[in-house]
Amino acid sequence: MKIALLGYGKMGKTIEQIALKRGHDIVIKASIEHPEYDIKEADIAIDFSMPSAAVGNISNCFNNGVPVISGTTGWLEDYDKMTALCQEKNGGFIYASNFSLGVNIFFELNKTLAKMMSNLDQYNIAMEEIHHTQKLDEPSGTAISLANDIISEHKTYSNWALNTPEATTIPIVAKRIPEVPGTHVVTYESSVDTITIEHKAHNREGFALGAVIAAEWLVGKTGVFSMKDVLNIG
């Protein structure tokens, strides 16, 4: 597989290492320092760029017949526009707020727990996410996905917000600490006990491996997919 890396920071370099080990070729390494490239050289693009660059990167790929794996967060106000362009161009697209295989299992556990707890009004829900200081968006895309999944399954909650413990709003605490790849905690607390589920990444390799596996799965397919399709879960 000939891969274009759109974004060549720490994540892009980790994806490169894993892709090469799995027998793939990196034909493009696009970054702020190297913005010029011909996307047609690639079989697929893996986009871990800046939020401000994501829509341009994804559009360029679809307009040139190249499927896209996108892990860039902070641009989702244009998600529907990008999925419409994908369908218009008969392209292939997977966006995930987190490509870690473990996190995607965690997503399913989170939804199941929210459904189980929906009728137990004595429990209040809170969330915490911790990432490295270079992460630009807060809360993280993963935290937003977790919160939205809770809202879809739990009758009490209708919204989420940073540090806002209102009755129908899930409060999310976002912390930025050097060298933390990513930790997400969902807590249900009552006066008598606490239930907590947590996912803690040890390094970036889990995210990178999931992105490469998603790329391997997407090549040759058309449509808009998710990691649920890749992993056949949910």
Protein backbone atom coordinates (compact mmCIF):
# COMPACT_ATOMS: atom_id res chain seq x y z
CA MET A 1 0.00 0.00 0.00
CA LYS A 2 1.31 3.48 -0.89
CA ILE A 3 0.45 5.79 2.00
CA ALA A 4 0.33 9.58 2.14
CA LEU A 5 0.91 10.93 5.64
CA LEU A 6 -0.89 14.26 5.91
CA GLY A 7 0.70 15.60 9.06
CA TYR A 8 4.20 14.47 9.97
CA GLY A 9 4.44 15.24 13.65
CA LYS A 10 4.94 12.72 16.42
CA MET A 11 1.83 10.78 15.42
CA GLY A 12 2.74 10.76 11.75
CA LYS A 13 6.22 9.47 12.51
CA THR A 14 4.80 6.68 14.69
CA ILE A 15 2.37 5.69 11.92
CA GLU A 16 5.29 5.64 9.49
CA GLN A 17 7.25 3.20 11.67
CA ILE A 18 4.31 0.82 12.04
CA ALA A 19 3.31 1.04 8.36
CA LEU A 20 6.85 0.22 7.23
CA LYS A 21 6.97 -2.77 9.59
CA ARG A 22 3.72 -4.01 8.03
CA GLY A 23 5.21 -3.81 4.52
CA HIS A 24 3.74 -0.55 3.27
CA ASP A 25 5.41 2.38 1.51
CA ILE A 26 5.25 6.01 2.64
CA VAL A 27 5.17 8.08 -0.55
CA ILE A 28 4.16 11.47 0.91
CA LYS A 29 5.10 13.16 4.19
CA ALA A 30 3.17 16.43 4.18
CA SER A 31 3.67 19.03 6.89
CA ILE A 32 3.80 22.79 7.39
CA GLU A 33 7.46 22.63 6.36
CA HIS A 34 6.64 20.49 3.29
CA PRO A 35 3.16 21.53 2.11
CA GLU A 36 3.51 20.62 -1.58
CA TYR A 37 2.62 17.10 -2.71
CA ASP A 38 0.76 15.16 -5.40
CA ILE A 39 -1.88 13.10 -3.60
CA LYS A 40 -2.38 10.95 -6.71
CA GLU A 41 0.88 9.18 -5.87
CA ALA A 42 -0.86 7.47 -2.93
CA ASP A 43 -3.30 4.57 -2.61
CA ILE A 44 -4.64 6.03 0.63
CA ALA A 45 -4.10 9.04 2.88
CA ILE A 46 -3.81 9.03 6.67
CA ASP A 47 -4.56 12.50 8.01
CA PHE A 48 -3.27 13.52 11.44
CA SER A 49 -2.79 17.19 10.61
CA MET A 50 -3.93 20.43 12.23
CA PRO A 51 -7.68 21.13 12.66
CA SER A 52 -7.36 24.09 10.30
CA ALA A 53 -5.85 21.87 7.57
CA ALA A 54 -8.14 18.83 7.85
CA VAL A 55 -10.97 19.92 5.55
CA GLY A 56 -8.57 20.99 2.80
CA ASN A 57 -6.62 17.75 3.07
CA ILE A 58 -9.71 15.55 3.01
CA SER A 59 -11.33 17.46 0.14
CA ASN A 60 -8.17 17.21 -1.94
CA CYS A 61 -8.09 13.46 -1.43
CA PHE A 62 -11.73 12.91 -2.41
CA ASN A 63 -11.39 15.19 -5.44
CA ASN A 64 -8.48 13.06 -6.63
CA GLY A 65 -9.93 9.61 -5.92
CA VAL A 66 -7.84 8.84 -2.82
CA PRO A 67 -9.57 7.32 0.24
CA VAL A 68 -8.92 8.93 3.61
CA ILE A 69 -8.32 7.84 7.18
CA SER A 70 -8.72 10.92 9.41
CA GLY A 71 -7.75 11.14 13.06
CA THR A 72 -7.55 14.93 13.22
CA THR A 73 -9.99 16.37 15.75
CA GLY A 74 -11.37 19.87 16.18
CA TRP A 75 -12.90 20.24 12.69
CA LEU A 76 -16.16 18.29 13.01
CA GLU A 77 -18.44 21.23 12.24
CA ASP A 78 -17.58 20.30 8.63
CA TYR A 79 -17.96 16.53 9.04
CA ASP A 80 -21.30 16.34 7.21
CA LYS A 81 -19.86 18.39 4.35
CA MET A 82 -16.95 15.96 4.03
CA THR A 83 -19.12 12.85 4.12
CA ALA A 84 -21.34 14.39 1.44
CA LEU A 85 -18.27 15.06 -0.72
CA CYS A 86 -17.08 11.50 -0.15
CA GLN A 87 -20.38 10.12 -1.38
CA GLU A 88 -20.49 12.55 -4.30
CA LYS A 89 -17.02 11.45 -5.44
CA ASN A 90 -17.66 7.76 -4.66
CA GLY A 91 -14.77 7.84 -2.21
CA GLY A 92 -13.81 5.99 0.92
CA PHE A 93 -13.66 7.60 4.36
CA ILE A 94 -13.10 6.66 7.97
CA TYR A 95 -13.01 9.32 10.66
CA ALA A 96 -12.38 8.36 14.26
CA SER A 97 -11.75 10.53 17.28
CA ASN A 98 -9.46 7.72 18.42
CA PHE A 99 -8.10 4.82 16.35
CA SER A 100 -6.80 2.80 19.29
CA LEU A 101 -8.28 -0.68 19.18
CA GLY A 102 -8.61 -0.63 22.97
CA VAL A 103 -10.39 2.73 22.97
CA ASN A 104 -12.92 1.48 20.46
CA ILE A 105 -13.68 -1.44 22.78
CA PHE A 106 -13.92 1.16 25.57
CA PHE A 107 -16.48 3.10 23.51
CA GLU A 108 -18.72 0.01 23.44
CA LEU A 109 -18.29 -0.60 27.18
CA ASN A 110 -19.18 3.05 27.82
CA LYS A 111 -22.40 2.81 25.81
CA THR A 112 -23.40 -0.44 27.50
CA LEU A 113 -22.78 0.98 30.97
CA ALA A 114 -24.74 4.15 30.16
CA LYS A 115 -27.72 2.07 29.06
CA MET A 116 -27.52 -0.03 32.25
CA MET A 117 -27.35 3.10 34.45
CA SER A 118 -30.06 5.07 32.65
CA ASN A 119 -32.80 4.40 35.20
CA LEU A 120 -30.60 4.87 38.28
CA ASP A 121 -31.11 8.55 39.05
CA GLN A 122 -29.00 8.44 42.23
CA TYR A 123 -25.79 8.33 40.17
CA ASN A 124 -24.20 11.48 38.78
CA ILE A 125 -21.91 11.17 35.75
CA ALA A 126 -18.61 12.97 35.38
CA MET A 127 -15.71 12.62 32.95
CA GLU A 128 -12.01 13.45 32.98
CA GLU A 129 -9.50 13.42 30.14
CA ILE A 130 -5.75 13.94 30.38
CA HIS A 131 -3.43 14.58 27.42
CA HIS A 132 0.00 15.98 26.60
CA THR A 133 0.49 19.72 26.56
CA GLN A 134 0.81 19.83 22.74
CA LYS A 135 -2.83 18.81 22.26
CA LEU A 136 -4.65 21.85 20.90
CA ASP A 137 -8.32 20.98 21.44
CA GLU A 138 -10.15 20.44 24.69
CA PRO A 139 -12.00 18.42 25.57
CA SER A 140 -10.48 15.73 23.39
CA GLY A 141 -12.39 14.28 20.47
CA THR A 142 -12.43 10.97 22.33
CA ALA A 143 -14.02 12.59 25.39
CA ILE A 144 -16.68 14.19 23.18
CA SER A 145 -17.41 10.82 21.57
CA LEU A 146 -17.73 9.19 25.00
CA ALA A 147 -20.06 11.95 26.21
CA ASN A 148 -22.24 11.81 23.11
CA ASP A 149 -22.53 8.04 23.42
CA ILE A 150 -23.67 8.42 27.03
CA ILE A 151 -26.24 11.02 25.98
CA SER A 152 -27.58 8.66 23.31
CA GLU A 153 -28.17 5.89 25.88
CA HIS A 154 -28.92 7.72 29.16
CA LYS A 155 -32.29 9.45 29.58
CA THR A 156 -31.10 12.06 32.12
CA TYR A 157 -28.33 13.79 30.15
CA SER A 158 -28.80 16.00 27.11
CA ASN A 159 -25.48 17.85 26.83
CA TRP A 160 -21.83 17.99 27.94
CA ALA A 161 -19.68 20.95 28.92
CA LEU A 162 -16.25 21.71 30.31
CA ASN A 163 -16.38 21.97 34.12
CA THR A 164 -20.15 22.51 34.27
CA PRO A 165 -21.88 20.21 36.78
CA GLU A 166 -25.49 20.98 35.88
CA ALA A 167 -28.32 18.52 36.34
CA THR A 168 -28.63 17.39 32.72
CA THR A 169 -25.07 18.19 31.58
CA ILE A 170 -22.09 15.84 31.75
CA PRO A 171 -19.14 17.80 33.17
CA ILE A 172 -15.80 17.09 31.50
CA VAL A 173 -12.54 18.03 33.17
CA ALA A 174 -9.66 18.44 30.68
CA LYS A 175 -6.09 18.35 31.95
CA ARG A 176 -2.87 18.92 30.00
CA ILE A 177 0.24 17.29 31.45
CA PRO A 178 3.57 16.74 29.62
CA GLU A 179 4.13 13.32 28.01
CA VAL A 180 0.66 11.87 28.70
CA PRO A 181 -0.55 10.04 25.54
CA GLY A 182 -4.18 9.96 26.63
CA THR A 183 -6.32 8.94 29.61
CA HIS A 184 -10.13 8.94 29.73
CA VAL A 185 -12.20 8.27 32.84
CA VAL A 186 -15.99 7.99 33.13
CA THR A 187 -17.37 8.02 36.68
CA TYR A 188 -20.83 7.27 38.08
CA GLU A 189 -21.04 8.47 41.68
CA SER A 190 -23.77 8.14 44.28
CA SER A 191 -23.83 8.71 48.03
CA VAL A 192 -23.06 5.03 48.66
CA ASP A 193 -20.59 4.01 45.95
CA THR A 194 -18.67 4.92 42.81
CA ILE A 195 -18.42 3.08 39.49
CA THR A 196 -15.50 4.02 37.23
CA ILE A 197 -14.31 2.85 33.82
CA GLU A 198 -10.96 4.05 32.50
CA HIS A 199 -8.79 3.76 29.44
CA LYS A 200 -5.14 4.75 29.75
CA ALA A 201 -2.87 4.78 26.71
CA HIS A 202 0.77 3.90 27.43
CA ASN A 203 2.13 5.36 24.18
CA ARG A 204 1.11 6.48 20.69
CA GLU A 205 1.63 3.07 19.10
CA GLY A 206 -1.92 1.91 19.81
CA PHE A 207 -3.39 4.90 17.97
CA ALA A 208 -0.99 4.45 15.07
CA LEU A 209 -1.58 0.72 14.70
CA GLY A 210 -5.33 1.25 14.61
CA ALA A 211 -4.99 3.89 11.90
CA VAL A 212 -2.85 1.59 9.73
CA ILE A 213 -5.25 -1.33 10.23
CA ALA A 214 -8.13 0.96 9.26
CA ALA A 215 -6.24 1.99 6.10
CA GLU A 216 -5.61 -1.64 5.20
CA TRP A 217 -9.33 -2.36 5.63
CA LEU A 218 -10.53 0.69 3.66
CA VAL A 219 -8.46 0.26 0.49
CA GLY A 220 -10.73 -0.90 -2.34
CA LYS A 221 -13.96 0.11 -0.54
CA THR A 222 -16.27 3.05 -1.14
CA GLY A 223 -18.49 4.70 1.44
CA VAL A 224 -18.31 6.29 4.87
CA PHE A 225 -17.30 3.87 7.61
CA SER A 226 -16.25 3.81 11.26
CA MET A 227 -13.94 1.75 13.43
CA LYS A 228 -16.97 -0.36 14.31
CA ASP A 229 -16.93 -1.57 10.72
CA VAL A 230 -13.19 -2.20 10.79
CA LEU A 231 -13.39 -4.20 14.03
CA ASN A 232 -16.86 -5.69 13.38
CA ILE A 233 -18.14 -4.62 16.80
CA GLY A 234 -21.24 -2.91 18.13
